[in-house]
């Protein structure tokens, strides 16, 4: 699964999130930093499985942050977008 994670929030919380072990919680491999600004952090990475449920769980520990996950499962021909905030998940998928 190919993923792009964008994290939005206060400068302090975004920096703390970036230094945490978020990648382990999502099963991320081959992480590549795309953006690192005051209130925004973005990276792309690969996972063996779709990390949406892990994203929801991870967001519970970071209630002040919004986590956006853009993902694609090429084998299943699925693209999706998930938003997690304080344990609440909103998700949309399309097949192609």
C-alpha atoms as a PDB file:
ATOM      1  CA  UNK A   1       0.000   0.000   0.000  1.00  0.00           C
ATOM      2  CA  UNK A   2       1.408   3.404  -0.988  1.00  0.00           C
ATOM      3  CA  UNK A   3       0.644   6.141   1.532  1.00  0.00           C
ATOM      4  CA  UNK A   4       1.031   9.852   2.046  1.00  0.00           C
ATOM      5  CA  UNK A   5       0.503  11.142   5.587  1.00  0.00           C
ATOM      6  CA  UNK A   6      -0.108  14.819   6.352  1.00  0.00           C
ATOM      7  CA  UNK A   7      -0.198  15.957   9.986  1.00  0.00           C
ATOM      8  CA  UNK A   8      -1.718  19.335  10.882  1.00  0.00           C
ATOM      9  CA  UNK A   9      -1.708  21.107  14.256  1.00  0.00           C
ATOM     10  CA  UNK A  10       0.256  23.394  16.518  1.00  0.00           C
ATOM     11  CA  UNK A  11       3.987  23.783  15.928  1.00  0.00           C
ATOM     12  CA  UNK A  12       4.871  22.036  19.203  1.00  0.00           C
ATOM     13  CA  UNK A  13       2.539  19.079  18.676  1.00  0.00           C
ATOM     14  CA  UNK A  14       3.576  18.543  15.055  1.00  0.00           C
ATOM     15  CA  UNK A  15       7.239  18.499  16.131  1.00  0.00           C
ATOM     16  CA  UNK A  16       6.506  16.047  18.978  1.00  0.00           C
ATOM     17  CA  UNK A  17       4.547  13.793  16.623  1.00  0.00           C
ATOM     18  CA  UNK A  18       7.384  13.786  14.118  1.00  0.00           C
ATOM     19  CA  UNK A  19       9.844  12.676  16.824  1.00  0.00           C
ATOM     20  CA  UNK A  20       7.506   9.937  18.120  1.00  0.00           C
ATOM     21  CA  UNK A  21       7.429   6.385  16.800  1.00  0.00           C
ATOM     22  CA  UNK A  22       4.372   7.007  14.621  1.00  0.00           C
ATOM     23  CA  UNK A  23       5.947   5.007  11.794  1.00  0.00           C
ATOM     24  CA  UNK A  24       6.064   1.844  13.917  1.00  0.00           C
ATOM     25  CA  UNK A  25       2.376   2.198  14.801  1.00  0.00           C
ATOM     26  CA  UNK A  26       1.445   2.429  11.123  1.00  0.00           C
ATOM     27  CA  UNK A  27       3.899  -0.233   9.928  1.00  0.00           C
ATOM     28  CA  UNK A  28       5.594   2.316   7.665  1.00  0.00           C
ATOM     29  CA  UNK A  29       8.592   1.389   5.527  1.00  0.00           C
ATOM     30  CA  UNK A  30      10.749   3.500   3.215  1.00  0.00           C
ATOM     31  CA  UNK A  31       9.615   6.830   4.704  1.00  0.00           C
ATOM     32  CA  UNK A  32      10.396   9.927   2.676  1.00  0.00           C
ATOM     33  CA  UNK A  33       9.910  13.432   4.085  1.00  0.00           C
ATOM     34  CA  UNK A  34       7.873  15.661   1.786  1.00  0.00           C
ATOM     35  CA  UNK A  35       7.184  18.710   3.958  1.00  0.00           C
ATOM     36  CA  UNK A  36       8.286  19.962   7.351  1.00  0.00           C
ATOM     37  CA  UNK A  37       6.879  23.376   8.244  1.00  0.00           C
ATOM     38  CA  UNK A  38       5.710  24.994  11.483  1.00  0.00           C
ATOM     39  CA  UNK A  39       2.218  23.518  11.611  1.00  0.00           C
ATOM     40  CA  UNK A  40       2.444  20.794   8.974  1.00  0.00           C
ATOM     41  CA  UNK A  41       4.386  17.572   8.432  1.00  0.00           C
ATOM     42  CA  UNK A  42       4.028  15.332   5.387  1.00  0.00           C
ATOM     43  CA  UNK A  43       5.750  12.148   4.276  1.00  0.00           C
ATOM     44  CA  UNK A  44       5.189   9.196   2.007  1.00  0.00           C
ATOM     45  CA  UNK A  45       5.781   5.555   2.867  1.00  0.00           C
ATOM     46  CA  UNK A  46       4.765   1.986   2.095  1.00  0.00           C
ATOM     47  CA  UNK A  47       2.901  -0.526   4.245  1.00  0.00           C
ATOM     48  CA  UNK A  48       2.078  -4.220   3.891  1.00  0.00           C
ATOM     49  CA  UNK A  49      -1.578  -3.598   4.775  1.00  0.00           C
ATOM     50  CA  UNK A  50      -3.922  -0.630   4.723  1.00  0.00           C
ATOM     51  CA  UNK A  51      -3.083   1.423   7.866  1.00  0.00           C
ATOM     52  CA  UNK A  52      -6.466   3.155   8.310  1.00  0.00           C
ATOM     53  CA  UNK A  53      -7.428   1.420  11.578  1.00  0.00           C
ATOM     54  CA  UNK A  54      -3.924   2.032  12.953  1.00  0.00           C
ATOM     55  CA  UNK A  55      -4.262   5.698  11.973  1.00  0.00           C
ATOM     56  CA  UNK A  56      -7.506   5.951  13.934  1.00  0.00           C
ATOM     57  CA  UNK A  57      -5.874   4.342  16.987  1.00  0.00           C
ATOM     58  CA  UNK A  58      -2.806   6.590  16.675  1.00  0.00           C
ATOM     59  CA  UNK A  59      -4.972   9.724  16.530  1.00  0.00           C
ATOM     60  CA  UNK A  60      -6.389   8.951  19.988  1.00  0.00           C
ATOM     61  CA  UNK A  61      -2.970   9.726  21.463  1.00  0.00           C
ATOM     62  CA  UNK A  62      -2.751  13.031  19.567  1.00  0.00           C
ATOM     63  CA  UNK A  63      -6.169  14.687  20.016  1.00  0.00           C
ATOM     64  CA  UNK A  64      -4.886  18.137  18.986  1.00  0.00           C
ATOM     65  CA  UNK A  65      -3.658  16.932  15.596  1.00  0.00           C
ATOM     66  CA  UNK A  66      -5.464  16.140  12.369  1.00  0.00           C
ATOM     67  CA  UNK A  67      -4.011  13.148  10.522  1.00  0.00           C
ATOM     68  CA  UNK A  68      -4.763  12.884   6.790  1.00  0.00           C
ATOM     69  CA  UNK A  69      -3.868   9.701   4.928  1.00  0.00           C
ATOM     70  CA  UNK A  70      -3.968   9.487   1.139  1.00  0.00           C
ATOM     71  CA  UNK A  71      -3.489   5.854   0.101  1.00  0.00           C
ATOM     72  CA  UNK A  72      -3.469   3.559  -2.914  1.00  0.00           C
ATOM     73  CA  UNK A  73      -3.640  -0.224  -3.069  1.00  0.00           C
ATOM     74  CA  UNK A  74      -2.471  -0.923  -6.614  1.00  0.00           C
ATOM     75  CA  UNK A  75      -3.238  -4.681  -6.543  1.00  0.00           C
ATOM     76  CA  UNK A  76      -6.883  -4.000  -5.614  1.00  0.00           C
ATOM     77  CA  UNK A  77      -7.066  -0.796  -7.679  1.00  0.00           C
ATOM     78  CA  UNK A  78      -8.296   1.306  -4.762  1.00  0.00           C
ATOM     79  CA  UNK A  79      -7.518   4.921  -3.901  1.00  0.00           C
ATOM     80  CA  UNK A  80      -8.672   6.475  -0.688  1.00  0.00           C
ATOM     81  CA  UNK A  81      -8.490   9.318   1.770  1.00  0.00           C
ATOM     82  CA  UNK A  82      -8.843   9.019   5.530  1.00  0.00           C
ATOM     83  CA  UNK A  83      -9.022  11.747   8.158  1.00  0.00           C
ATOM     84  CA  UNK A  84      -8.450  10.892  11.815  1.00  0.00           C
ATOM     85  CA  UNK A  85      -8.781  13.292  14.729  1.00  0.00           C
ATOM     86  CA  UNK A  86      -9.007  12.330  18.410  1.00  0.00           C
ATOM     87  CA  UNK A  87     -10.018   8.767  17.539  1.00  0.00           C
ATOM     88  CA  UNK A  88     -12.735   9.790  15.072  1.00  0.00           C
ATOM     89  CA  UNK A  89     -12.326   8.500  11.523  1.00  0.00           C
ATOM     90  CA  UNK A  90     -13.746   9.695   8.214  1.00  0.00           C
ATOM     91  CA  UNK A  91     -12.826   7.640   5.160  1.00  0.00           C
ATOM     92  CA  UNK A  92     -13.626   7.670   1.426  1.00  0.00           C
ATOM     93  CA  UNK A  93     -12.542   5.168  -1.244  1.00  0.00           C
ATOM     94  CA  UNK A  94     -12.899   4.745  -4.967  1.00  0.00           C
ATOM     95  CA  UNK A  95     -12.101   1.805  -7.246  1.00  0.00           C
ATOM     96  CA  UNK A  96     -10.478   2.329 -10.605  1.00  0.00           C
END
